[in-house]
Amino acid sequence: MNRKPLWLVLFTGHCRFSLRGRVYPAILPVPGHAVNGKVFKGLTDRELHVFDLFEDEEYVKKTVEDTSEKSLVYAYIWANEGDPDLYGEWDYEEWRKVHLKEYLEMTREFMEELGQF
């Protein structure tokens, strides 16, 4: 999409988990935790549709409150809270070292399959 996120986001009551056999994390509601991320603004309907396709049925798009900006944003929440592949809190730095290259390849292949960008 060649877009850069515009600001950092923090939403409380959620936690990011690692998933066995996957190069991406899952976000689930967990009291007492918080998830940080980045927000894209001004996405077109087409771009939102691409995000929905990418996240697939494994995630549910929900509106959450960005507590740092006091605004509502979309987040993709893992649909299966009882997934046996969930384990431990996801660590960005570890992910970056171990999985970033594979993740970028996966996203590149996804975009090529779409043939839209």
PDB file of N, CA and C in Angstrom:
ATOM      1  N   MET A   1       0.817  -1.196   0.000  1.00  0.00           N
ATOM      2  CA  MET A   1       0.000   0.000   0.000  1.00  0.00           C
ATOM      3  C   MET A   1       0.855   1.252   0.000  1.00  0.00           C
ATOM      4  N   ASN A   2       2.090   1.084   0.375  1.00  0.00           N
ATOM      5  CA  ASN A   2       3.016   2.213   0.403  1.00  0.00           C
ATOM      6  C   ASN A   2       2.518   3.365   1.258  1.00  0.00           C
ATOM      7  N   ARG A   3       1.958   3.042   2.399  1.00  0.00           N
ATOM      8  CA  ARG A   3       1.522   4.050   3.369  1.00  0.00           C
ATOM      9  C   ARG A   3       2.293   3.844   4.653  1.00  0.00           C
ATOM     10  N   LYS A   4       2.464   4.934   5.372  1.00  0.00           N
ATOM     11  CA  LYS A   4       3.106   4.835   6.680  1.00  0.00           C
ATOM     12  C   LYS A   4       2.079   5.198   7.743  1.00  0.00           C
ATOM     13  N   PRO A   5       2.113   4.482   8.876  1.00  0.00           N
ATOM     14  CA  PRO A   5       1.202   4.834   9.969  1.00  0.00           C
ATOM     15  C   PRO A   5       1.468   6.258  10.438  1.00  0.00           C
ATOM     16  N   LEU A   6       0.401   6.926  10.898  1.00  0.00           N
ATOM     17  CA  LEU A   6       0.519   8.325  11.287  1.00  0.00           C
ATOM     18  C   LEU A   6       0.816   8.540  12.763  1.00  0.00           C
ATOM     19  N   TRP A   7       0.320   7.665  13.623  1.00  0.00           N
ATOM     20  CA  TRP A   7       0.616   7.852  15.036  1.00  0.00           C
ATOM     21  C   TRP A   7       0.596   6.518  15.767  1.00  0.00           C
ATOM     22  N   LEU A   8       1.192   6.542  16.966  1.00  0.00           N
ATOM     23  CA  LEU A   8       1.211   5.359  17.816  1.00  0.00           C
ATOM     24  C   LEU A   8      -0.100   5.270  18.577  1.00  0.00           C
ATOM     25  N   VAL A   9      -0.510   4.062  18.875  1.00  0.00           N
ATOM     26  CA  VAL A   9      -1.773   3.820  19.561  1.00  0.00           C
ATOM     27  C   VAL A   9      -1.505   2.926  20.772  1.00  0.00           C
ATOM     28  N   LEU A  10      -2.322   3.090  21.801  1.00  0.00           N
ATOM     29  CA  LEU A  10      -2.268   2.225  22.975  1.00  0.00           C
ATOM     30  C   LEU A  10      -3.695   1.894  23.356  1.00  0.00           C
ATOM     31  N   PHE A  11      -4.024   0.607  23.398  1.00  0.00           N
ATOM     32  CA  PHE A  11      -5.345   0.256  23.904  1.00  0.00           C
ATOM     33  C   PHE A  11      -5.214  -0.766  25.016  1.00  0.00           C
ATOM     34  N   THR A  12      -5.914  -0.447  26.097  1.00  0.00           N
ATOM     35  CA  THR A  12      -5.810  -1.249  27.310  1.00  0.00           C
ATOM     36  C   THR A  12      -6.802  -2.400  27.279  1.00  0.00           C
ATOM     37  N   GLY A  13      -6.581  -3.335  28.201  1.00  0.00           N
ATOM     38  CA  GLY A  13      -7.482  -4.477  28.300  1.00  0.00           C
ATOM     39  C   GLY A  13      -7.251  -5.528  27.234  1.00  0.00           C
ATOM     40  N   HIS A  14      -6.089  -5.504  26.584  1.00  0.00           N
ATOM     41  CA  HIS A  14      -5.742  -6.471  25.543  1.00  0.00           C
ATOM     42  C   HIS A  14      -4.278  -6.866  25.685  1.00  0.00           C
ATOM     43  N   CYS A  15      -3.938  -8.020  25.134  1.00  0.00           N
ATOM     44  CA  CYS A  15      -2.563  -8.517  25.172  1.00  0.00           C
ATOM     45  C   CYS A  15      -2.258  -9.209  23.844  1.00  0.00           C
ATOM     46  N   ARG A  16      -1.005  -9.098  23.407  1.00  0.00           N
ATOM     47  CA  ARG A  16      -0.554  -9.763  22.187  1.00  0.00           C
ATOM     48  C   ARG A  16       0.111 -11.083  22.571  1.00  0.00           C
ATOM     49  N   PHE A  17      -0.273 -12.159  21.880  1.00  0.00           N
ATOM     50  CA  PHE A  17       0.271 -13.488  22.146  1.00  0.00           C
ATOM     51  C   PHE A  17       0.990 -14.038  20.923  1.00  0.00           C
ATOM     52  N   SER A  18       1.954 -14.897  21.170  1.00  0.00           N
ATOM     53  CA  SER A  18       2.605 -15.644  20.095  1.00  0.00           C
ATOM     54  C   SER A  18       1.699 -16.794  19.678  1.00  0.00           C
ATOM     55  N   LEU A  19       1.874 -17.244  18.439  1.00  0.00           N
ATOM     56  CA  LEU A  19       1.120 -18.377  17.896  1.00  0.00           C
ATOM     57  C   LEU A  19       2.101 -19.409  17.348  1.00  0.00           C
ATOM     58  N   ARG A  20       1.986 -20.631  17.805  1.00  0.00           N
ATOM     59  CA  ARG A  20       2.863 -21.697  17.309  1.00  0.00           C
ATOM     60  C   ARG A  20       2.692 -21.864  15.798  1.00  0.00           C
ATOM     61  N   GLY A  21       3.820 -21.939  15.102  1.00  0.00           N
ATOM     62  CA  GLY A  21       3.792 -22.195  13.672  1.00  0.00           C
ATOM     63  C   GLY A  21       3.385 -21.011  12.821  1.00  0.00           C
ATOM     64  N   ARG A  22       3.287 -19.832  13.420  1.00  0.00           N
ATOM     65  CA  ARG A  22       2.871 -18.640  12.672  1.00  0.00           C
ATOM     66  C   ARG A  22       3.917 -17.533  12.839  1.00  0.00           C
ATOM     67  N   VAL A  23       3.986 -16.645  11.864  1.00  0.00           N
ATOM     68  CA  VAL A  23       4.948 -15.540  11.927  1.00  0.00           C
ATOM     69  C   VAL A  23       4.263 -14.234  12.307  1.00  0.00           C
ATOM     70  N   TYR A  24       3.085 -14.328  12.882  1.00  0.00           N
ATOM     71  CA  TYR A  24       2.336 -13.147  13.300  1.00  0.00           C
ATOM     72  C   TYR A  24       1.700 -13.418  14.656  1.00  0.00           C
ATOM     73  N   PRO A  25       1.377 -12.352  15.405  1.00  0.00           N
ATOM     74  CA  PRO A  25       0.793 -12.515  16.733  1.00  0.00           C
ATOM     75  C   PRO A  25      -0.732 -12.493  16.706  1.00  0.00           C
ATOM     76  N   ALA A  26      -1.291 -12.761  17.869  1.00  0.00           N
ATOM     77  CA  ALA A  26      -2.738 -12.665  18.079  1.00  0.00           C
ATOM     78  C   ALA A  26      -2.980 -11.668  19.202  1.00  0.00           C
ATOM     79  N   ILE A  27      -4.016 -10.846  19.063  1.00  0.00           N
ATOM     80  CA  ILE A  27      -4.419  -9.926  20.128  1.00  0.00           C
ATOM     81  C   ILE A  27      -5.714 -10.456  20.720  1.00  0.00           C
ATOM     82  N   LEU A  28      -5.747 -10.508  22.047  1.00  0.00           N
ATOM     83  CA  LEU A  28      -6.940 -10.970  22.759  1.00  0.00           C
ATOM     84  C   LEU A  28      -7.238 -10.050  23.931  1.00  0.00           C
ATOM     85  N   PRO A  29      -8.514  -9.960  24.333  1.00  0.00           N
ATOM     86  CA  PRO A  29      -8.851  -9.180  25.526  1.00  0.00           C
ATOM     87  C   PRO A  29      -8.247  -9.822  26.777  1.00  0.00           C
ATOM     88  N   VAL A  30      -7.492  -9.044  27.534  1.00  0.00           N
ATOM     89  CA  VAL A  30      -6.915  -9.499  28.801  1.00  0.00           C
ATOM     90  C   VAL A  30      -6.873  -8.299  29.745  1.00  0.00           C
ATOM     91  N   PRO A  31      -7.685  -8.314  30.788  1.00  0.00           N
ATOM     92  CA  PRO A  31      -7.669  -7.197  31.741  1.00  0.00           C
ATOM     93  C   PRO A  31      -6.269  -6.987  32.329  1.00  0.00           C
ATOM     94  N   GLY A  32      -5.928  -5.723  32.531  1.00  0.00           N
ATOM     95  CA  GLY A  32      -4.653  -5.392  33.147  1.00  0.00           C
ATOM     96  C   GLY A  32      -3.476  -5.330  32.193  1.00  0.00           C
ATOM     97  N   HIS A  33      -3.705  -5.568  30.920  1.00  0.00           N
ATOM     98  CA  HIS A  33      -2.638  -5.503  29.917  1.00  0.00           C
ATOM     99  C   HIS A  33      -2.946  -4.375  28.931  1.00  0.00           C
ATOM    100  N   ALA A  34      -1.983  -4.056  28.092  1.00  0.00           N
ATOM    101  CA  ALA A  34      -2.180  -3.043  27.056  1.00  0.00           C
ATOM    102  C   ALA A  34      -1.372  -3.423  25.822  1.00  0.00           C
ATOM    103  N   VAL A  35      -1.893  -3.060  24.671  1.00  0.00           N
ATOM    104  CA  VAL A  35      -1.236  -3.322  23.391  1.00  0.00           C
ATOM    105  C   VAL A  35      -0.920  -1.989  22.737  1.00  0.00           C
ATOM    106  N   ASN A  36       0.314  -1.845  22.249  1.00  0.00           N
ATOM    107  CA  ASN A  36       0.632  -0.657  21.471  1.00  0.00           C
ATOM    108  C   ASN A  36       0.720  -1.045  20.006  1.00  0.00           C
ATOM    109  N   GLY A  37       0.527  -0.069  19.157  1.00  0.00           N
ATOM    110  CA  GLY A  37       0.569  -0.320  17.725  1.00  0.00           C
ATOM    111  C   GLY A  37       0.650   0.992  16.976  1.00  0.00           C
ATOM    112  N   LYS A  38       0.286   0.946  15.712  1.00  0.00           N
ATOM    113  CA  LYS A  38       0.325   2.136  14.865  1.00  0.00           C
ATOM    114  C   LYS A  38      -0.981   2.254  14.105  1.00  0.00           C
ATOM    115  N   VAL A  39      -1.361   3.498  13.816  1.00  0.00           N
ATOM    116  CA  VAL A  39      -2.647   3.777  13.177  1.00  0.00           C
ATOM    117  C   VAL A  39      -2.434   4.361  11.784  1.00  0.00           C
ATOM    118  N   PHE A  40      -3.183   3.830  10.839  1.00  0.00           N
ATOM    119  CA  PHE A  40      -3.281   4.418   9.502  1.00  0.00           C
ATOM    120  C   PHE A  40      -4.519   5.294   9.489  1.00  0.00           C
ATOM    121  N   LYS A  41      -4.435   6.449   8.873  1.00  0.00           N
ATOM    122  CA  LYS A  41      -5.584   7.345   8.793  1.00  0.00           C
ATOM    123  C   LYS A  41      -5.934   7.581   7.332  1.00  0.00           C
ATOM    124  N   GLY A  42      -7.230   7.750   7.080  1.00  0.00           N
ATOM    125  CA  GLY A  42      -7.680   8.094   5.743  1.00  0.00           C
ATOM    126  C   GLY A  42      -7.623   6.953   4.750  1.00  0.00           C
ATOM    127  N   LEU A  43      -7.734   5.713   5.230  1.00  0.00           N
ATOM    128  CA  LEU A  43      -7.728   4.577   4.310  1.00  0.00           C
ATOM    129  C   LEU A  43      -8.995   4.569   3.463  1.00  0.00           C
ATOM    130  N   THR A  44      -8.852   4.188   2.227  1.00  0.00           N
ATOM    131  CA  THR A  44     -10.010   4.073   1.342  1.00  0.00           C
ATOM    132  C   THR A  44     -10.755   2.778   1.664  1.00  0.00           C
ATOM    133  N   ASP A  45     -11.972   2.656   1.163  1.00  0.00           N
ATOM    134  CA  ASP A  45     -12.728   1.415   1.344  1.00  0.00           C
ATOM    135  C   ASP A  45     -11.959   0.233   0.756  1.00  0.00           C
ATOM    136  N   ARG A  46     -11.319   0.438  -0.353  1.00  0.00           N
ATOM    137  CA  ARG A  46     -10.526  -0.619  -1.000  1.00  0.00           C
ATOM    138  C   ARG A  46      -9.362  -1.058  -0.110  1.00  0.00           C
ATOM    139  N   GLU A  47      -8.674  -0.091   0.475  1.00  0.00           N
ATOM    140  CA  GLU A  47      -7.558  -0.419   1.362  1.00  0.00           C
ATOM    141  C   GLU A  47      -8.040  -1.161   2.611  1.00  0.00           C
ATOM    142  N   LEU A  48      -9.164  -0.727   3.174  1.00  0.00           N
ATOM    143  CA  LEU A  48      -9.739  -1.441   4.325  1.00  0.00           C
ATOM    144  C   LEU A  48     -10.095  -2.872   3.943  1.00  0.00           C
ATOM    145  N   HIS A  49     -10.612  -3.046   2.746  1.00  0.00           N
ATOM    146  CA  HIS A  49     -10.963  -4.385   2.268  1.00  0.00           C
ATOM    147  C   HIS A  49      -9.710  -5.272   2.165  1.00  0.00           C
ATOM    148  N   VAL A  50      -8.610  -4.692   1.711  1.00  0.00           N
ATOM    149  CA  VAL A  50      -7.358  -5.447   1.620  1.00  0.00           C
ATOM    150  C   VAL A  50      -6.910  -5.890   3.014  1.00  0.00           C
ATOM    151  N   PHE A  51      -7.000  -5.009   4.002  1.00  0.00           N
ATOM    152  CA  PHE A  51      -6.666  -5.402   5.375  1.00  0.00           C
ATOM    153  C   PHE A  51      -7.564  -6.541   5.838  1.00  0.00           C
ATOM    154  N   ASP A  52      -8.859  -6.440   5.556  1.00  0.00           N
ATOM    155  CA  ASP A  52      -9.794  -7.505   5.947  1.00  0.00           C
ATOM    156  C   ASP A  52      -9.425  -8.834   5.289  1.00  0.00           C
ATOM    157  N   LEU A  53      -9.065  -8.797   4.016  1.00  0.00           N
ATOM    158  CA  LEU A  53      -8.650 -10.020   3.322  1.00  0.00           C
ATOM    159  C   LEU A  53      -7.375 -10.593   3.926  1.00  0.00           C
ATOM    160  N   PHE A  54      -6.437  -9.713   4.234  1.00  0.00           N
ATOM    161  CA  PHE A  54      -5.157 -10.155   4.784  1.00  0.00           C
ATOM    162  C   PHE A  54      -5.346 -10.815   6.145  1.00  0.00           C
ATOM    163  N   GLU A  55      -6.148 -10.221   6.988  1.00  0.00           N
ATOM    164  CA  GLU A  55      -6.354 -10.768   8.335  1.00  0.00           C
ATOM    165  C   GLU A  55      -7.238 -12.006   8.305  1.00  0.00           C
ATOM    166  N   ASP A  56      -8.087 -12.134   7.291  1.00  0.00           N
ATOM    167  CA  ASP A  56      -8.864 -13.347   7.062  1.00  0.00           C
ATOM    168  C   ASP A  56      -9.833 -13.608   8.209  1.00  0.00           C
ATOM    169  N   GLU A  57     -10.394 -14.817   8.233  1.00  0.00           N
ATOM    170  CA  GLU A  57     -11.409 -15.142   9.242  1.00  0.00           C
ATOM    171  C   GLU A  57     -10.802 -15.467  10.598  1.00  0.00           C
ATOM    172  N   GLU A  58      -9.481 -15.518  10.684  1.00  0.00           N
ATOM    173  CA  GLU A  58      -8.847 -15.783  11.976  1.00  0.00           C
ATOM    174  C   GLU A  58      -8.978 -14.596  12.931  1.00  0.00           C
ATOM    175  N   TYR A  59      -9.243 -13.429  12.379  1.00  0.00           N
ATOM    176  CA  TYR A  59      -9.381 -12.218  13.180  1.00  0.00           C
ATOM    177  C   TYR A  59     -10.773 -11.624  12.998  1.00  0.00           C
ATOM    178  N   VAL A  60     -11.190 -10.876  14.010  1.00  0.00           N
ATOM    179  CA  VAL A  60     -12.438 -10.124  13.950  1.00  0.00           C
ATOM    180  C   VAL A  60     -12.064  -8.649  14.083  1.00  0.00           C
ATOM    181  N   LYS A  61     -12.518  -7.826  13.139  1.00  0.00           N
ATOM    182  CA  LYS A  61     -12.223  -6.395  13.215  1.00  0.00           C
ATOM    183  C   LYS A  61     -13.159  -5.761  14.237  1.00  0.00           C
ATOM    184  N   LYS A  62     -12.578  -5.140  15.263  1.00  0.00           N
ATOM    185  CA  LYS A  62     -13.370  -4.507  16.314  1.00  0.00           C
ATOM    186  C   LYS A  62     -12.895  -3.081  16.517  1.00  0.00           C
ATOM    187  N   THR A  63     -13.779  -2.268  17.025  1.00  0.00           N
ATOM    188  CA  THR A  63     -13.427  -0.909  17.396  1.00  0.00           C
ATOM    189  C   THR A  63     -12.936  -0.922  18.837  1.00  0.00           C
ATOM    190  N   VAL A  64     -11.773  -0.349  19.063  1.00  0.00           N
ATOM    191  CA  VAL A  64     -11.208  -0.260  20.408  1.00  0.00           C
ATOM    192  C   VAL A  64     -10.841   1.194  20.682  1.00  0.00           C
ATOM    193  N   GLU A  65     -10.718   1.532  21.963  1.00  0.00           N
ATOM    194  CA  GLU A  65     -10.357   2.904  22.310  1.00  0.00           C
ATOM    195  C   GLU A  65      -8.847   3.041  22.405  1.00  0.00           C
ATOM    196  N   ASP A  66      -8.331   4.002  21.674  1.00  0.00           N
ATOM    197  CA  ASP A  66      -6.922   4.370  21.780  1.00  0.00           C
ATOM    198  C   ASP A  66      -6.816   5.266  23.006  1.00  0.00           C
ATOM    199  N   THR A  67      -6.307   4.738  24.092  1.00  0.00           N
ATOM    200  CA  THR A  67      -6.272   5.508  25.334  1.00  0.00           C
ATOM    201  C   THR A  67      -5.251   6.635  25.298  1.00  0.00           C
ATOM    202  N   SER A  68      -4.290   6.587  24.388  1.00  0.00           N
ATOM    203  CA  SER A  68      -3.310   7.671  24.306  1.00  0.00           C
ATOM    204  C   SER A  68      -3.876   8.885  23.576  1.00  0.00           C
ATOM    205  N   GLU A  69      -4.783   8.679  22.647  1.00  0.00           N
ATOM    206  CA  GLU A  69      -5.365   9.772  21.861  1.00  0.00           C
ATOM    207  C   GLU A  69      -6.836  10.007  22.180  1.00  0.00           C
ATOM    208  N   LYS A  70      -7.409   9.155  23.018  1.00  0.00           N
ATOM    209  CA  LYS A  70      -8.836   9.236  23.357  1.00  0.00           C
ATOM    210  C   LYS A  70      -9.699   9.206  22.098  1.00  0.00           C
ATOM    211  N   SER A  71      -9.397   8.249  21.230  1.00  0.00           N
ATOM    212  CA  SER A  71     -10.176   8.091  20.006  1.00  0.00           C
ATOM    213  C   SER A  71     -10.442   6.608  19.781  1.00  0.00           C
ATOM    214  N   LEU A  72     -11.337   6.318  18.849  1.00  0.00           N
ATOM    215  CA  LEU A  72     -11.660   4.936  18.514  1.00  0.00           C
ATOM    216  C   LEU A  72     -10.920   4.538  17.244  1.00  0.00           C
ATOM    217  N   VAL A  73     -10.376   3.329  17.246  1.00  0.00           N
ATOM    218  CA  VAL A  73      -9.646   2.812  16.088  1.00  0.00           C
ATOM    219  C   VAL A  73     -10.047   1.362  15.868  1.00  0.00           C
ATOM    220  N   TYR A  74      -9.809   0.862  14.666  1.00  0.00           N
ATOM    221  CA  TYR A  74     -10.027  -0.556  14.392  1.00  0.00           C
ATOM    222  C   TYR A  74      -8.805  -1.356  14.843  1.00  0.00           C
ATOM    223  N   ALA A  75      -9.078  -2.539  15.369  1.00  0.00           N
ATOM    224  CA  ALA A  75      -8.026  -3.506  15.676  1.00  0.00           C
ATOM    225  C   ALA A  75      -8.536  -4.877  15.269  1.00  0.00           C
ATOM    226  N   TYR A  76      -7.634  -5.714  14.836  1.00  0.00           N
ATOM    227  CA  TYR A  76      -7.994  -7.085  14.468  1.00  0.00           C
ATOM    228  C   TYR A  76      -7.700  -7.985  15.666  1.00  0.00           C
ATOM    229  N   ILE A  77      -8.767  -8.516  16.259  1.00  0.00           N
ATOM    230  CA  ILE A  77      -8.694  -9.331  17.463  1.00  0.00           C
ATOM    231  C   ILE A  77      -8.799 -10.803  17.063  1.00  0.00           C
ATOM    232  N   TRP A  78      -7.952 -11.639  17.653  1.00  0.00           N
ATOM    233  CA  TRP A  78      -7.944 -13.071  17.344  1.00  0.00           C
ATOM    234  C   TRP A  78      -9.309 -13.660  17.655  1.00  0.00           C
ATOM    235  N   ALA A  79      -9.892 -14.371  16.721  1.00  0.00           N
ATOM    236  CA  ALA A  79     -11.266 -14.865  16.850  1.00  0.00           C
ATOM    237  C   ALA A  79     -11.390 -16.046  17.813  1.00  0.00           C
ATOM    238  N   ASN A  80     -10.356 -16.857  17.937  1.00  0.00           N
ATOM    239  CA  ASN A  80     -10.436 -18.080  18.736  1.00  0.00           C
ATOM    240  C   ASN A  80      -9.668 -17.914  20.048  1.00  0.00           C
ATOM    241  N   GLU A  81     -10.377 -17.469  21.092  1.00  0.00           N
ATOM    242  CA  GLU A  81      -9.718 -17.236  22.383  1.00  0.00           C
ATOM    243  C   GLU A  81      -9.154 -18.514  22.995  1.00  0.00           C
ATOM    244  N   GLY A  82      -9.695 -19.667  22.628  1.00  0.00           N
ATOM    245  CA  GLY A  82      -9.226 -20.937  23.170  1.00  0.00           C
ATOM    246  C   GLY A  82      -8.245 -21.659  22.265  1.00  0.00           C
ATOM    247  N   ASP A  83      -7.681 -20.967  21.302  1.00  0.00           N
ATOM    248  CA  ASP A  83      -6.758 -21.577  20.342  1.00  0.00           C
ATOM    249  C   ASP A  83      -5.591 -22.251  21.071  1.00  0.00           C
ATOM    250  N   PRO A  84      -5.380 -23.549  20.851  1.00  0.00           N
ATOM    251  CA  PRO A  84      -4.286 -24.241  21.535  1.00  0.00           C
ATOM    252  C   PRO A  84      -2.897 -23.790  21.067  1.00  0.00           C
ATOM    253  N   ASP A  85      -2.822 -23.051  19.963  1.00  0.00           N
ATOM    254  CA  ASP A  85      -1.529 -22.570  19.471  1.00  0.00           C
ATOM    255  C   ASP A  85      -1.085 -21.267  20.129  1.00  0.00           C
ATOM    256  N   LEU A  86      -1.942 -20.657  20.949  1.00  0.00           N
ATOM    257  CA  LEU A  86      -1.567 -19.440  21.667  1.00  0.00           C
ATOM    258  C   LEU A  86      -0.581 -19.789  22.775  1.00  0.00           C
ATOM    259  N   TYR A  87       0.462 -18.983  22.890  1.00  0.00           N
ATOM    260  CA  TYR A  87       1.391 -19.186  24.009  1.00  0.00           C
ATOM    261  C   TYR A  87       2.144 -17.894  24.302  1.00  0.00           C
ATOM    262  N   GLY A  88       2.354 -17.602  25.539  1.00  0.00           N
ATOM    263  CA  GLY A  88       3.187 -16.491  25.986  1.00  0.00           C
ATOM    264  C   GLY A  88       2.949 -15.161  25.312  1.00  0.00           C
ATOM    265  N   GLU A  89       3.347 -14.106  25.985  1.00  0.00           N
ATOM    266  CA  GLU A  89       3.242 -12.776  25.394  1.00  0.00           C
ATOM    267  C   GLU A  89       4.207 -12.651  24.229  1.00  0.00           C
ATOM    268  N   TRP A  90       3.733 -12.016  23.168  1.00  0.00           N
ATOM    269  CA  TRP A  90       4.518 -11.797  21.960  1.00  0.00           C
ATOM    270  C   TRP A  90       5.577 -10.741  22.245  1.00  0.00           C
ATOM    271  N   ASP A  91       6.784 -10.972  21.778  1.00  0.00           N
ATOM    272  CA  ASP A  91       7.902 -10.057  21.989  1.00  0.00           C
ATOM    273  C   ASP A  91       8.348  -9.503  20.635  1.00  0.00           C
ATOM    274  N   TYR A  92       8.169  -8.199  20.443  1.00  0.00           N
ATOM    275  CA  TYR A  92       8.476  -7.579  19.157  1.00  0.00           C
ATOM    276  C   TYR A  92       9.940  -7.779  18.751  1.00  0.00           C
ATOM    277  N   GLU A  93      10.857  -7.528  19.670  1.00  0.00           N
ATOM    278  CA  GLU A  93      12.280  -7.632  19.318  1.00  0.00           C
ATOM    279  C   GLU A  93      12.653  -9.054  18.920  1.00  0.00           C
ATOM    280  N   GLU A  94      12.149 -10.027  19.641  1.00  0.00           N
ATOM    281  CA  GLU A  94      12.410 -11.425  19.276  1.00  0.00           C
ATOM    282  C   GLU A  94      11.802 -11.733  17.912  1.00  0.00           C
ATOM    283  N   TRP A  95      10.569 -11.278  17.691  1.00  0.00           N
ATOM    284  CA  TRP A  95       9.893 -11.494  16.411  1.00  0.00           C
ATOM    285  C   TRP A  95      10.705 -10.877  15.273  1.00  0.00           C
ATOM    286  N   ARG A  96      11.185  -9.659  15.510  1.00  0.00           N
ATOM    287  CA  ARG A  96      11.947  -8.966  14.479  1.00  0.00           C
ATOM    288  C   ARG A  96      13.189  -9.764  14.079  1.00  0.00           C
ATOM    289  N   LYS A  97      13.875 -10.308  15.046  1.00  0.00           N
ATOM    290  CA  LYS A  97      15.088 -11.082  14.774  1.00  0.00           C
ATOM    291  C   LYS A  97      14.776 -12.415  14.092  1.00  0.00           C
ATOM    292  N   VAL A  98      13.710 -13.066  14.519  1.00  0.00           N
ATOM    293  CA  VAL A  98      13.432 -14.436  14.080  1.00  0.00           C
ATOM    294  C   VAL A  98      12.498 -14.510  12.874  1.00  0.00           C
ATOM    295  N   HIS A  99      11.479 -13.639  12.824  1.00  0.00           N
ATOM    296  CA  HIS A  99      10.398 -13.831  11.849  1.00  0.00           C
ATOM    297  C   HIS A  99      10.178 -12.697  10.843  1.00  0.00           C
ATOM    298  N   LEU A 100      10.818 -11.555  11.031  1.00  0.00           N
ATOM    299  CA  LEU A 100      10.511 -10.408  10.161  1.00  0.00           C
ATOM    300  C   LEU A 100      10.693 -10.734   8.685  1.00  0.00           C
ATOM    301  N   LYS A 101      11.795 -11.347   8.331  1.00  0.00           N
ATOM    302  CA  LYS A 101      12.063 -11.646   6.918  1.00  0.00           C
ATOM    303  C   LYS A 101      10.955 -12.528   6.330  1.00  0.00           C
ATOM    304  N   GLU A 102      10.580 -13.570   7.052  1.00  0.00           N
ATOM    305  CA  GLU A 102       9.527 -14.479   6.589  1.00  0.00           C
ATOM    306  C   GLU A 102       8.174 -13.765   6.505  1.00  0.00           C
ATOM    307  N   TYR A 103       7.906 -12.895   7.482  1.00  0.00           N
ATOM    308  CA  TYR A 103       6.653 -12.137   7.481  1.00  0.00           C
ATOM    309  C   TYR A 103       6.584 -11.206   6.267  1.00  0.00           C
ATOM    310  N   LEU A 104       7.661 -10.506   5.993  1.00  0.00           N
ATOM    311  CA  LEU A 104       7.680  -9.602   4.837  1.00  0.00           C
ATOM    312  C   LEU A 104       7.487 -10.369   3.535  1.00  0.00           C
ATOM    313  N   GLU A 105       8.075 -11.538   3.434  1.00  0.00           N
ATOM    314  CA  GLU A 105       7.889 -12.381   2.250  1.00  0.00           C
ATOM    315  C   GLU A 105       6.424 -12.805   2.125  1.00  0.00           C
ATOM    316  N   MET A 106       5.810 -13.176   3.247  1.00  0.00           N
ATOM    317  CA  MET A 106       4.401 -13.571   3.241  1.00  0.00           C
ATOM    318  C   MET A 106       3.511 -12.413   2.772  1.00  0.00           C
ATOM    319  N   THR A 107       3.784 -11.206   3.263  1.00  0.00           N
ATOM    320  CA  THR A 107       2.959 -10.064   2.858  1.00  0.00           C
ATOM    321  C   THR A 107       3.194  -9.707   1.390  1.00  0.00           C
ATOM    322  N   ARG A 108       4.437  -9.823   0.927  1.00  0.00           N
ATOM    323  CA  ARG A 108       4.729  -9.546  -0.492  1.00  0.00           C
ATOM    324  C   ARG A 108       3.965 -10.514  -1.387  1.00  0.00           C
ATOM    325  N   GLU A 109       3.981 -11.794  -1.033  1.00  0.00           N
ATOM    326  CA  GLU A 109       3.252 -12.795  -1.818  1.00  0.00           C
ATOM    327  C   GLU A 109       1.749 -12.521  -1.805  1.00  0.00           C
ATOM    328  N   PHE A 110       1.232 -12.106  -0.665  1.00  0.00           N
ATOM    329  CA  PHE A 110      -0.188 -11.771  -0.561  1.00  0.00           C
ATOM    330  C   PHE A 110      -0.541 -10.635  -1.525  1.00  0.00           C
ATOM    331  N   MET A 111       0.267  -9.586  -1.527  1.00  0.00           N
ATOM    332  CA  MET A 111      -0.009  -8.445  -2.396  1.00  0.00           C
ATOM    333  C   MET A 111       0.118  -8.829  -3.870  1.00  0.00           C
ATOM    334  N   GLU A 112       1.068  -9.687  -4.201  1.00  0.00           N
ATOM    335  CA  GLU A 112       1.199 -10.151  -5.586  1.00  0.00           C
ATOM    336  C   GLU A 112      -0.026 -10.953  -6.009  1.00  0.00           C
ATOM    337  N   GLU A 113      -0.534 -11.786  -5.110  1.00  0.00           N
ATOM    338  CA  GLU A 113      -1.742 -12.562  -5.412  1.00  0.00           C
ATOM    339  C   GLU A 113      -2.933 -11.648  -5.675  1.00  0.00           C
ATOM    340  N   LEU A 114      -3.014 -10.564  -4.919  1.00  0.00           N
ATOM    341  CA  LEU A 114      -4.102  -9.607  -5.151  1.00  0.00           C
ATOM    342  C   LEU A 114      -3.937  -8.921  -6.499  1.00  0.00           C
ATOM    343  N   GLY A 115      -2.684  -8.668  -6.865  1.00  0.00           N
ATOM    344  CA  GLY A 115      -2.405  -8.015  -8.136  1.00  0.00           C
ATOM    345  C   GLY A 115      -2.921  -6.594  -8.212  1.00  0.00           C
ATOM    346  N   GLN A 116      -3.103  -5.969  -7.049  1.00  0.00           N
ATOM    347  CA  GLN A 116      -3.709  -4.636  -7.030  1.00  0.00           C
ATOM    348  C   GLN A 116      -2.729  -3.541  -6.662  1.00  0.00           C
ATOM    349  N   PHE A 117      -1.588  -3.895  -6.088  1.00  0.00           N
ATOM    350  CA  PHE A 117      -0.693  -2.852  -5.591  1.00  0.00           C
ATOM    351  C   PHE A 117       0.695  -3.051  -6.141  1.00  0.00           C
TER     352      PHE A 117
END
